[in-house]
């Protein structure tokens, strides 16, 4: 069953969880989000679906990787005390600057995608309402205060 958001709870609840994700997976997620942004801007439904499938697959891989990493870290807890580092600690030490930059780009891409999805959702809702009742006018003037002020007192027929 899918959550309300596409990203594992471990990512939304812990900043350290981002360090556990392999850099190649983060790069793939960044690329998928870029393709998704392009598809959303072009209103390319096939592209949106493909990018969504890619992102679901990647988030499942990320969840499995984090879970496996967490479990191995718990099992190797005593070995870490003796000086051995877990896979996540090794990854965090590999390229901290590049990892931080990639995480920043992914988070920015997620914000942009959320805004684009909200905009597309709004457009679809307006279109659905227009199709449901074509007699209603959804023009931009009806929402402006200046236009409402001009038609006050003129009666219903002026609208």
Protein backbone atom coordinates (compact mmCIF):
# COMPACT_ATOMS: atom_id res chain seq x y z
CA UNK A 1 0.00 0.00 0.00
CA UNK A 2 1.34 3.42 -0.96
CA UNK A 3 1.65 6.25 1.54
CA UNK A 4 0.22 9.72 0.98
CA UNK A 5 3.65 10.87 -0.16
CA UNK A 6 5.99 8.97 -2.47
CA UNK A 7 8.97 8.98 -0.12
CA UNK A 8 9.69 6.55 2.67
CA UNK A 9 8.85 7.62 6.20
CA UNK A 10 12.49 7.15 7.12
CA UNK A 11 13.43 10.00 4.78
CA UNK A 12 10.80 12.39 6.03
CA UNK A 13 11.52 11.67 9.69
CA UNK A 14 15.33 11.79 9.72
CA UNK A 15 17.88 14.03 8.08
CA UNK A 16 20.53 11.32 8.56
CA UNK A 17 18.50 8.94 6.41
CA UNK A 18 19.55 10.91 3.32
CA UNK A 19 23.16 9.90 4.01
CA UNK A 20 22.18 6.25 3.80
CA UNK A 21 21.04 6.49 0.19
CA UNK A 22 23.64 5.51 -2.40
CA UNK A 23 24.68 8.45 -4.54
CA UNK A 24 23.75 6.67 -7.82
CA UNK A 25 20.16 6.22 -6.60
CA UNK A 26 19.98 9.90 -5.67
CA UNK A 27 21.26 10.85 -9.11
CA UNK A 28 18.66 8.61 -10.76
CA UNK A 29 15.95 10.21 -8.63
CA UNK A 30 17.18 13.68 -9.59
CA UNK A 31 17.12 12.72 -13.28
CA UNK A 32 13.63 11.25 -12.98
CA UNK A 33 12.37 14.40 -11.26
CA UNK A 34 13.87 16.50 -14.07
CA UNK A 35 12.06 14.37 -16.69
CA UNK A 36 8.89 14.63 -14.66
CA UNK A 37 9.18 18.43 -14.51
CA UNK A 38 9.59 18.57 -18.29
CA UNK A 39 6.58 16.30 -18.79
CA UNK A 40 4.45 18.33 -16.36
CA UNK A 41 5.30 21.59 -18.09
CA UNK A 42 4.45 20.06 -21.48
CA UNK A 43 1.31 18.39 -20.05
CA UNK A 44 2.66 15.12 -21.50
CA UNK A 45 0.53 12.48 -19.75
CA UNK A 46 2.62 9.53 -20.98
CA UNK A 47 5.80 11.24 -19.77
CA UNK A 48 4.22 12.04 -16.41
CA UNK A 49 3.15 8.41 -15.98
CA UNK A 50 6.57 7.09 -16.96
CA UNK A 51 8.38 9.44 -14.59
CA UNK A 52 5.95 8.59 -11.80
CA UNK A 53 6.60 4.87 -12.30
CA UNK A 54 10.36 5.51 -12.23
CA UNK A 55 10.03 7.52 -9.03
CA UNK A 56 7.92 4.84 -7.36
CA UNK A 57 10.50 2.19 -8.30
CA UNK A 58 13.35 4.36 -7.06
CA UNK A 59 11.65 5.16 -3.76
CA UNK A 60 11.02 1.45 -3.21
CA UNK A 61 14.71 0.75 -3.89
CA UNK A 62 15.64 3.55 -1.50
CA UNK A 63 13.34 2.16 1.20
CA UNK A 64 14.80 -1.35 0.79
CA UNK A 65 18.34 0.03 0.87
CA UNK A 66 17.71 2.09 4.00
CA UNK A 67 15.95 -0.81 5.73
CA UNK A 68 18.77 -3.23 4.82
CA UNK A 69 21.37 -0.69 5.93
CA UNK A 70 19.59 -0.09 9.24
CA UNK A 71 19.23 -3.81 9.91
CA UNK A 72 22.88 -4.50 9.08
CA UNK A 73 23.95 -1.62 11.30
CA UNK A 74 21.92 -3.07 14.16
CA UNK A 75 23.44 -6.53 13.63
CA UNK A 76 26.95 -5.16 13.34
CA UNK A 77 26.54 -2.86 16.34
CA UNK A 78 29.24 -4.61 18.37
CA UNK A 79 31.62 -4.71 15.39
CA UNK A 80 31.32 -0.94 14.98
CA UNK A 81 32.48 -0.51 18.53
CA UNK A 82 35.59 -2.47 17.57
CA UNK A 83 36.34 -0.02 14.74
CA UNK A 84 34.35 -1.31 11.76
CA UNK A 85 32.09 1.21 10.03
CA UNK A 86 28.68 0.39 8.59
CA UNK A 87 27.92 0.76 4.89
CA UNK A 88 26.01 3.98 5.53
CA UNK A 89 28.89 5.51 7.47
CA UNK A 90 31.27 4.57 4.65
CA UNK A 91 28.95 6.16 2.09
CA UNK A 92 28.63 9.30 4.20
CA UNK A 93 32.41 9.60 4.30
CA UNK A 94 32.90 8.87 0.58
CA UNK A 95 31.77 12.16 -0.93
CA UNK A 96 30.05 14.34 1.67
CA UNK A 97 30.12 17.49 -0.47
CA UNK A 98 28.77 15.81 -3.57
CA UNK A 99 26.17 13.94 -1.54
CA UNK A 100 25.03 17.17 0.12
CA UNK A 101 24.79 18.96 -3.24
CA UNK A 102 22.85 16.09 -4.78
CA UNK A 103 20.45 15.94 -1.82
CA UNK A 104 19.94 19.71 -2.14
CA UNK A 105 19.15 19.39 -5.85
CA UNK A 106 16.75 16.50 -5.21
CA UNK A 107 14.94 18.45 -2.50
CA UNK A 108 14.67 21.48 -4.79
CA UNK A 109 13.35 19.28 -7.61
CA UNK A 110 10.79 17.82 -5.20
CA UNK A 111 9.58 21.30 -4.26
CA UNK A 112 9.26 22.29 -7.93
CA UNK A 113 7.43 19.07 -8.73
CA UNK A 114 5.03 19.56 -5.82
CA UNK A 115 4.23 23.08 -7.07
CA UNK A 116 3.74 21.87 -10.65
CA UNK A 117 1.51 19.03 -9.51
CA UNK A 118 -0.58 21.44 -7.44
CA UNK A 119 -0.94 23.71 -10.46
CA UNK A 120 -1.92 20.80 -12.71
CA UNK A 121 -4.39 19.59 -10.08
CA UNK A 122 -6.00 23.03 -9.98
CA UNK A 123 -6.26 23.18 -13.78
CA UNK A 124 -7.82 19.72 -13.92
CA UNK A 125 -10.32 20.63 -11.20
CA UNK A 126 -11.37 23.75 -13.13
CA UNK A 127 -11.70 21.74 -16.34
CA UNK A 128 -13.76 19.07 -14.58
CA UNK A 129 -16.07 21.76 -13.19
CA UNK A 130 -16.38 23.35 -16.62
CA UNK A 131 -17.32 20.02 -18.16
CA UNK A 132 -19.81 19.33 -15.38
CA UNK A 133 -21.62 22.65 -15.87
CA UNK A 134 -20.66 24.50 -19.07
CA UNK A 135 -23.03 27.37 -18.23
CA UNK A 136 -20.65 28.63 -15.50
CA UNK A 137 -18.03 31.19 -16.43
CA UNK A 138 -14.54 30.46 -15.08
CA UNK A 139 -12.94 33.55 -16.58
CA UNK A 140 -10.24 35.38 -14.63
CA UNK A 141 -12.35 38.54 -14.23
CA UNK A 142 -14.92 36.96 -11.96
CA UNK A 143 -12.32 36.38 -9.28
CA UNK A 144 -10.90 39.89 -9.17
CA UNK A 145 -12.09 42.36 -6.54
CA UNK A 146 -12.06 45.20 -9.09
CA UNK A 147 -14.53 43.37 -11.33
CA UNK A 148 -16.78 42.44 -8.37
CA UNK A 149 -16.84 46.09 -7.31
CA UNK A 150 -17.99 47.19 -10.78
CA UNK A 151 -20.92 44.81 -10.88
CA UNK A 152 -22.20 45.43 -7.35
CA UNK A 153 -25.56 47.06 -7.38
CA UNK A 154 -26.23 46.31 -11.05
CA UNK A 155 -28.40 43.29 -10.44
CA UNK A 156 -28.04 39.68 -11.44
CA UNK A 157 -28.54 40.33 -15.19
CA UNK A 158 -25.28 42.30 -15.40
CA UNK A 159 -23.31 39.21 -14.47
